[in-house]
């Protein structure tokens, strides 16, 4: 992957539809007792819509998956900075995407800095940020 250049687009990573059942399971695994992840009545009571809301770390994981699939493994992600812009609801379909900003070499590693994001298909952006990944051998 030595031919990476600024402006190159990473192949999109598509997710979904996001499962309400998996959100409930992840809430238990993460010990996240916030009912917005598994109780529609709680979501409605808070005025947040009528579908449960995905956990932020899961949304971040979709961006890591994008980077890992492109660079040869999630272990190649050296830095990730994300800003949360919106929510993902049960049933949403998502697109994780990225664009190469620059390429550099540091301590013998070829590093690629990318602009990354996660969007709800047909909706709003959910995450926006930058990542640095190691590419090559």
Foldseek 3Di string as FASTA:
>chain_A
DVPAFFFDKQPKDKDDLAALVVLVVVCVVVVPPDCLSHPQVSCVVVVNDRFRWHDPVVQVVSLLVSVCVRAVGSVQWDDWDKDFDDIRGRRWMKIKIKGWHHWDADPRFIKTKIWIFMAGVVGGTGMTTMTIGTHDD
